[in-house]
Amino acid sequence: MGIVRPLLLVGNEKLGMSIFQWSIPPIKTCPGRTPACERVCYATTGHFLFAGVQERLAWNYQQALRADFVDRMTDEVFRKGCIVVRRVRPVDRVLERPSDSTARRSGK
């Protein structure tokens, strides 16, 4: 078995090392975005421009589209004992699938 890439990364100096993080690419994953917010989006500057960061965000987005994403993320959160996980707001819209909302309403 090869190396398994984790979904969650340990925080940074600003967040602290006890906070895990997960993000997806800005702009294309932001619901309700406007031309004005695209021009001033903080996630299109600074360290977000590094190739490694962009690759990670793209990889995270692809993982979020997989049918087993919720199970994998849940397993990782419990396995790592995460108390706090920071995510980017657009994740709500990307991960919302009809089957997910139906399962929540039915209590599954």
N, C-alpha and C. Protein backbone atom coordinates (compact mmCIF):
# COMPACT_ATOMS: atom_id res chain seq x y z
N MET A 1 0.85 -1.18 0.00
CA MET A 1 0.00 0.00 0.00
C MET A 1 0.89 1.24 0.00
N GLY A 2 0.54 2.23 -0.81
CA GLY A 2 1.32 3.45 -0.91
C GLY A 2 1.02 4.41 0.22
N ILE A 3 1.63 5.56 0.14
CA ILE A 3 1.41 6.61 1.13
C ILE A 3 0.01 7.20 0.93
N VAL A 4 -0.72 7.34 2.02
CA VAL A 4 -2.06 7.91 1.96
C VAL A 4 -1.96 9.39 2.30
N ARG A 5 -2.40 10.23 1.40
CA ARG A 5 -2.36 11.68 1.61
C ARG A 5 -3.53 12.08 2.50
N PRO A 6 -3.27 12.79 3.57
CA PRO A 6 -4.36 13.19 4.47
C PRO A 6 -5.22 14.29 3.87
N LEU A 7 -6.49 14.29 4.23
CA LEU A 7 -7.38 15.37 3.81
C LEU A 7 -7.11 16.62 4.64
N LEU A 8 -6.89 16.43 5.93
CA LEU A 8 -6.71 17.56 6.86
C LEU A 8 -5.24 17.86 7.08
N LEU A 9 -4.92 19.14 7.17
CA LEU A 9 -3.57 19.56 7.50
C LEU A 9 -3.59 20.21 8.88
N VAL A 10 -2.50 20.07 9.61
CA VAL A 10 -2.37 20.71 10.91
C VAL A 10 -2.24 22.21 10.69
N GLY A 11 -2.79 22.98 11.61
CA GLY A 11 -2.79 24.44 11.52
C GLY A 11 -1.42 25.06 11.31
N ASN A 12 -1.40 26.38 11.29
CA ASN A 12 -0.17 27.12 11.09
C ASN A 12 0.07 28.04 12.30
N GLU A 13 1.01 28.97 12.17
CA GLU A 13 1.33 29.86 13.29
C GLU A 13 0.13 30.71 13.71
N LYS A 14 -0.69 31.15 12.75
CA LYS A 14 -1.86 31.96 13.08
C LYS A 14 -2.95 31.12 13.74
N LEU A 15 -3.20 29.94 13.21
CA LEU A 15 -4.28 29.09 13.72
C LEU A 15 -3.90 28.37 15.00
N GLY A 16 -2.66 27.95 15.08
CA GLY A 16 -2.23 27.11 16.19
C GLY A 16 -2.14 25.67 15.73
N MET A 17 -1.34 24.91 16.41
CA MET A 17 -1.08 23.54 15.98
C MET A 17 -2.15 22.54 16.41
N SER A 18 -3.17 22.98 17.14
CA SER A 18 -4.23 22.06 17.53
C SER A 18 -5.47 22.21 16.65
N ILE A 19 -5.38 23.07 15.65
CA ILE A 19 -6.49 23.29 14.73
C ILE A 19 -6.13 22.70 13.37
N PHE A 20 -7.00 21.84 12.86
CA PHE A 20 -6.79 21.24 11.55
C PHE A 20 -7.50 22.10 10.51
N GLN A 21 -7.02 22.06 9.27
CA GLN A 21 -7.61 22.90 8.24
C GLN A 21 -7.82 22.14 6.95
N TRP A 22 -8.78 22.63 6.19
CA TRP A 22 -9.11 22.07 4.89
C TRP A 22 -9.73 23.17 4.05
N SER A 23 -9.25 23.37 2.84
CA SER A 23 -9.74 24.45 1.98
C SER A 23 -9.88 23.97 0.55
N ILE A 24 -10.65 24.72 -0.22
CA ILE A 24 -10.80 24.47 -1.65
C ILE A 24 -10.49 25.76 -2.40
N PRO A 25 -10.31 25.69 -3.73
CA PRO A 25 -9.91 26.88 -4.48
C PRO A 25 -10.91 28.03 -4.36
N PRO A 26 -10.39 29.26 -4.29
CA PRO A 26 -11.28 30.42 -4.26
C PRO A 26 -11.88 30.69 -5.64
N ILE A 27 -12.76 31.61 -5.69
CA ILE A 27 -13.45 32.11 -6.88
C ILE A 27 -14.38 31.05 -7.48
N LYS A 28 -13.83 30.00 -8.12
CA LYS A 28 -14.72 29.06 -8.81
C LYS A 28 -15.61 28.28 -7.85
N THR A 29 -15.26 28.21 -6.59
CA THR A 29 -16.07 27.46 -5.62
C THR A 29 -16.89 28.36 -4.70
N CYS A 30 -16.86 29.67 -4.94
CA CYS A 30 -17.58 30.60 -4.08
C CYS A 30 -18.99 30.84 -4.61
N PRO A 31 -20.01 30.43 -3.87
CA PRO A 31 -21.38 30.67 -4.32
C PRO A 31 -21.73 32.16 -4.18
N GLY A 32 -22.47 32.69 -5.11
CA GLY A 32 -22.91 34.08 -5.02
C GLY A 32 -21.82 35.11 -5.19
N ARG A 33 -20.70 34.72 -5.75
CA ARG A 33 -19.60 35.68 -5.91
C ARG A 33 -19.99 36.76 -6.91
N THR A 34 -19.35 37.89 -6.78
CA THR A 34 -19.58 39.02 -7.68
C THR A 34 -18.25 39.44 -8.27
N PRO A 35 -18.26 40.20 -9.34
CA PRO A 35 -16.99 40.70 -9.90
C PRO A 35 -16.20 41.52 -8.87
N ALA A 36 -16.91 42.27 -8.04
CA ALA A 36 -16.22 43.08 -7.02
C ALA A 36 -15.50 42.19 -6.01
N CYS A 37 -16.15 41.15 -5.53
CA CYS A 37 -15.48 40.30 -4.54
C CYS A 37 -14.35 39.49 -5.18
N GLU A 38 -14.48 39.14 -6.45
CA GLU A 38 -13.39 38.45 -7.14
C GLU A 38 -12.14 39.34 -7.21
N ARG A 39 -12.32 40.63 -7.40
CA ARG A 39 -11.18 41.56 -7.51
C ARG A 39 -10.45 41.72 -6.18
N VAL A 40 -11.14 41.62 -5.05
CA VAL A 40 -10.51 41.87 -3.76
C VAL A 40 -10.36 40.61 -2.90
N CYS A 41 -10.62 39.46 -3.45
CA CYS A 41 -10.56 38.20 -2.69
C CYS A 41 -9.16 37.99 -2.10
N TYR A 42 -9.09 37.83 -0.78
CA TYR A 42 -7.80 37.62 -0.11
C TYR A 42 -7.15 36.31 -0.54
N ALA A 43 -7.95 35.35 -0.97
CA ALA A 43 -7.42 34.03 -1.31
C ALA A 43 -6.84 33.96 -2.72
N THR A 44 -6.66 35.10 -3.35
CA THR A 44 -6.02 35.13 -4.67
C THR A 44 -4.68 35.87 -4.62
N THR A 45 -4.18 36.07 -3.41
CA THR A 45 -2.91 36.78 -3.22
C THR A 45 -2.03 36.02 -2.24
N GLY A 46 -0.85 36.54 -2.03
CA GLY A 46 0.06 36.00 -1.02
C GLY A 46 0.40 34.54 -1.22
N HIS A 47 0.39 33.79 -0.13
CA HIS A 47 0.82 32.38 -0.21
C HIS A 47 -0.11 31.53 -1.05
N PHE A 48 -1.32 32.00 -1.31
CA PHE A 48 -2.26 31.26 -2.16
C PHE A 48 -1.75 31.12 -3.59
N LEU A 49 -0.78 31.95 -3.98
CA LEU A 49 -0.24 31.92 -5.33
C LEU A 49 0.85 30.86 -5.52
N PHE A 50 1.36 30.30 -4.43
CA PHE A 50 2.39 29.27 -4.54
C PHE A 50 1.82 28.04 -5.24
N ALA A 51 2.63 27.45 -6.11
CA ALA A 51 2.19 26.28 -6.87
C ALA A 51 1.73 25.14 -5.95
N GLY A 52 2.45 24.93 -4.86
CA GLY A 52 2.09 23.86 -3.94
C GLY A 52 0.73 24.08 -3.27
N VAL A 53 0.44 25.32 -2.96
CA VAL A 53 -0.86 25.66 -2.35
C VAL A 53 -1.96 25.46 -3.37
N GLN A 54 -1.75 25.94 -4.58
CA GLN A 54 -2.77 25.77 -5.62
C GLN A 54 -3.02 24.31 -5.94
N GLU A 55 -1.97 23.52 -5.96
CA GLU A 55 -2.12 22.09 -6.22
C GLU A 55 -2.93 21.43 -5.10
N ARG A 56 -2.64 21.81 -3.85
CA ARG A 56 -3.35 21.24 -2.71
C ARG A 56 -4.84 21.61 -2.75
N LEU A 57 -5.14 22.86 -3.05
CA LEU A 57 -6.54 23.29 -3.13
C LEU A 57 -7.28 22.54 -4.22
N ALA A 58 -6.64 22.36 -5.38
CA ALA A 58 -7.26 21.61 -6.48
C ALA A 58 -7.48 20.16 -6.09
N TRP A 59 -6.50 19.57 -5.41
CA TRP A 59 -6.63 18.18 -4.95
C TRP A 59 -7.77 18.07 -3.95
N ASN A 60 -7.86 19.00 -3.01
CA ASN A 60 -8.95 18.99 -2.03
C ASN A 60 -10.31 19.06 -2.72
N TYR A 61 -10.41 19.91 -3.73
CA TYR A 61 -11.67 20.06 -4.46
C TYR A 61 -12.06 18.74 -5.13
N GLN A 62 -11.09 18.08 -5.76
CA GLN A 62 -11.38 16.79 -6.40
C GLN A 62 -11.81 15.75 -5.37
N GLN A 63 -11.20 15.78 -4.19
CA GLN A 63 -11.59 14.84 -3.14
C GLN A 63 -13.02 15.10 -2.68
N ALA A 64 -13.39 16.38 -2.61
CA ALA A 64 -14.74 16.75 -2.16
C ALA A 64 -15.81 16.26 -3.12
N LEU A 65 -15.46 16.04 -4.36
CA LEU A 65 -16.42 15.58 -5.35
C LEU A 65 -16.59 14.06 -5.35
N ARG A 66 -15.73 13.36 -4.65
CA ARG A 66 -15.83 11.89 -4.60
C ARG A 66 -17.02 11.45 -3.76
N ALA A 67 -17.62 10.37 -4.14
CA ALA A 67 -18.79 9.84 -3.42
C ALA A 67 -18.45 9.45 -1.99
N ASP A 68 -17.21 9.06 -1.73
CA ASP A 68 -16.83 8.61 -0.39
C ASP A 68 -16.21 9.72 0.47
N PHE A 69 -16.27 10.98 0.00
CA PHE A 69 -15.60 12.06 0.71
C PHE A 69 -16.08 12.22 2.15
N VAL A 70 -17.36 12.26 2.37
CA VAL A 70 -17.88 12.50 3.73
C VAL A 70 -17.41 11.39 4.67
N ASP A 71 -17.47 10.15 4.22
CA ASP A 71 -17.01 9.04 5.06
C ASP A 71 -15.51 9.15 5.34
N ARG A 72 -14.72 9.49 4.33
CA ARG A 72 -13.28 9.62 4.52
C ARG A 72 -12.94 10.76 5.48
N MET A 73 -13.61 11.90 5.30
CA MET A 73 -13.34 13.05 6.17
C MET A 73 -13.76 12.75 7.61
N THR A 74 -14.91 12.15 7.78
CA THR A 74 -15.39 11.80 9.12
C THR A 74 -14.42 10.85 9.80
N ASP A 75 -13.97 9.84 9.07
CA ASP A 75 -13.01 8.88 9.61
C ASP A 75 -11.72 9.59 10.03
N GLU A 76 -11.23 10.49 9.21
CA GLU A 76 -9.98 11.19 9.53
C GLU A 76 -10.14 12.10 10.75
N VAL A 77 -11.26 12.79 10.84
CA VAL A 77 -11.51 13.67 12.00
C VAL A 77 -11.48 12.84 13.29
N PHE A 78 -12.15 11.70 13.30
CA PHE A 78 -12.18 10.87 14.50
C PHE A 78 -10.83 10.21 14.75
N ARG A 79 -10.18 9.71 13.69
CA ARG A 79 -8.89 9.04 13.85
C ARG A 79 -7.83 9.97 14.40
N LYS A 80 -7.85 11.23 13.98
CA LYS A 80 -6.86 12.20 14.45
C LYS A 80 -7.28 12.88 15.75
N GLY A 81 -8.49 12.63 16.20
CA GLY A 81 -8.96 13.26 17.44
C GLY A 81 -9.14 14.75 17.30
N CYS A 82 -9.56 15.20 16.14
CA CYS A 82 -9.72 16.64 15.89
C CYS A 82 -10.82 17.23 16.76
N ILE A 83 -10.49 18.30 17.43
CA ILE A 83 -11.48 19.04 18.20
C ILE A 83 -11.97 20.23 17.38
N VAL A 84 -11.05 20.85 16.63
CA VAL A 84 -11.40 22.00 15.79
C VAL A 84 -10.89 21.74 14.38
N VAL A 85 -11.79 21.91 13.39
CA VAL A 85 -11.42 21.83 11.98
C VAL A 85 -11.89 23.12 11.33
N ARG A 86 -10.97 23.84 10.72
CA ARG A 86 -11.29 25.10 10.03
C ARG A 86 -11.45 24.80 8.55
N ARG A 87 -12.50 25.31 7.98
CA ARG A 87 -12.74 25.14 6.56
C ARG A 87 -13.17 26.47 5.94
N VAL A 88 -13.09 26.53 4.62
CA VAL A 88 -13.50 27.73 3.90
C VAL A 88 -15.00 27.66 3.69
N ARG A 89 -15.69 28.77 3.84
CA ARG A 89 -17.15 28.83 3.72
C ARG A 89 -17.72 28.21 2.45
N PRO A 90 -17.13 28.39 1.25
CA PRO A 90 -17.74 27.81 0.05
C PRO A 90 -17.92 26.30 0.11
N VAL A 91 -17.23 25.64 1.03
CA VAL A 91 -17.35 24.19 1.15
C VAL A 91 -18.80 23.79 1.34
N ASP A 92 -19.58 24.58 2.06
CA ASP A 92 -20.98 24.25 2.31
C ASP A 92 -21.73 23.95 1.02
N ARG A 93 -21.55 24.82 0.04
CA ARG A 93 -22.30 24.68 -1.21
C ARG A 93 -21.76 23.55 -2.08
N VAL A 94 -20.44 23.38 -2.11
CA VAL A 94 -19.85 22.35 -2.94
C VAL A 94 -20.24 20.97 -2.44
N LEU A 95 -20.26 20.79 -1.13
CA LEU A 95 -20.51 19.47 -0.57
C LEU A 95 -21.98 19.13 -0.45
N GLU A 96 -22.85 20.08 -0.62
CA GLU A 96 -24.27 19.83 -0.50
C GLU A 96 -24.76 19.07 -1.72
N ARG A 97 -25.16 17.85 -1.51
CA ARG A 97 -25.71 17.03 -2.58
C ARG A 97 -27.13 16.65 -2.16
N PRO A 98 -28.03 16.42 -3.11
CA PRO A 98 -29.40 16.05 -2.73
C PRO A 98 -29.44 14.87 -1.77
N SER A 99 -28.58 13.88 -1.98
CA SER A 99 -28.60 12.72 -1.10
C SER A 99 -28.15 13.09 0.31
N ASP A 100 -27.22 14.07 0.44
CA ASP A 100 -26.76 14.49 1.76
C ASP A 100 -27.88 15.17 2.54
N SER A 101 -28.59 16.11 1.90
CA SER A 101 -29.64 16.83 2.60
C SER A 101 -30.79 15.90 2.93
N THR A 102 -31.08 14.95 2.07
CA THR A 102 -32.13 13.97 2.33
C THR A 102 -31.76 13.12 3.53
N ALA A 103 -30.49 12.69 3.59
CA ALA A 103 -30.04 11.86 4.70
C ALA A 103 -30.12 12.62 6.01
N ARG A 104 -29.78 13.92 5.99
CA ARG A 104 -29.85 14.71 7.23
C ARG A 104 -31.29 14.83 7.71
N ARG A 105 -32.22 15.08 6.80
CA ARG A 105 -33.62 15.24 7.18
C ARG A 105 -34.20 13.94 7.71
N SER A 106 -33.74 12.81 7.17
CA SER A 106 -34.28 11.54 7.62
C SER A 106 -33.55 11.00 8.83
N GLY A 107 -32.48 11.69 9.28
CA GLY A 107 -31.74 11.28 10.47
C GLY A 107 -30.73 10.19 10.21
N LYS A 108 -30.39 9.91 8.96
CA LYS A 108 -29.41 8.86 8.64
C LYS A 108 -28.03 9.39 8.69
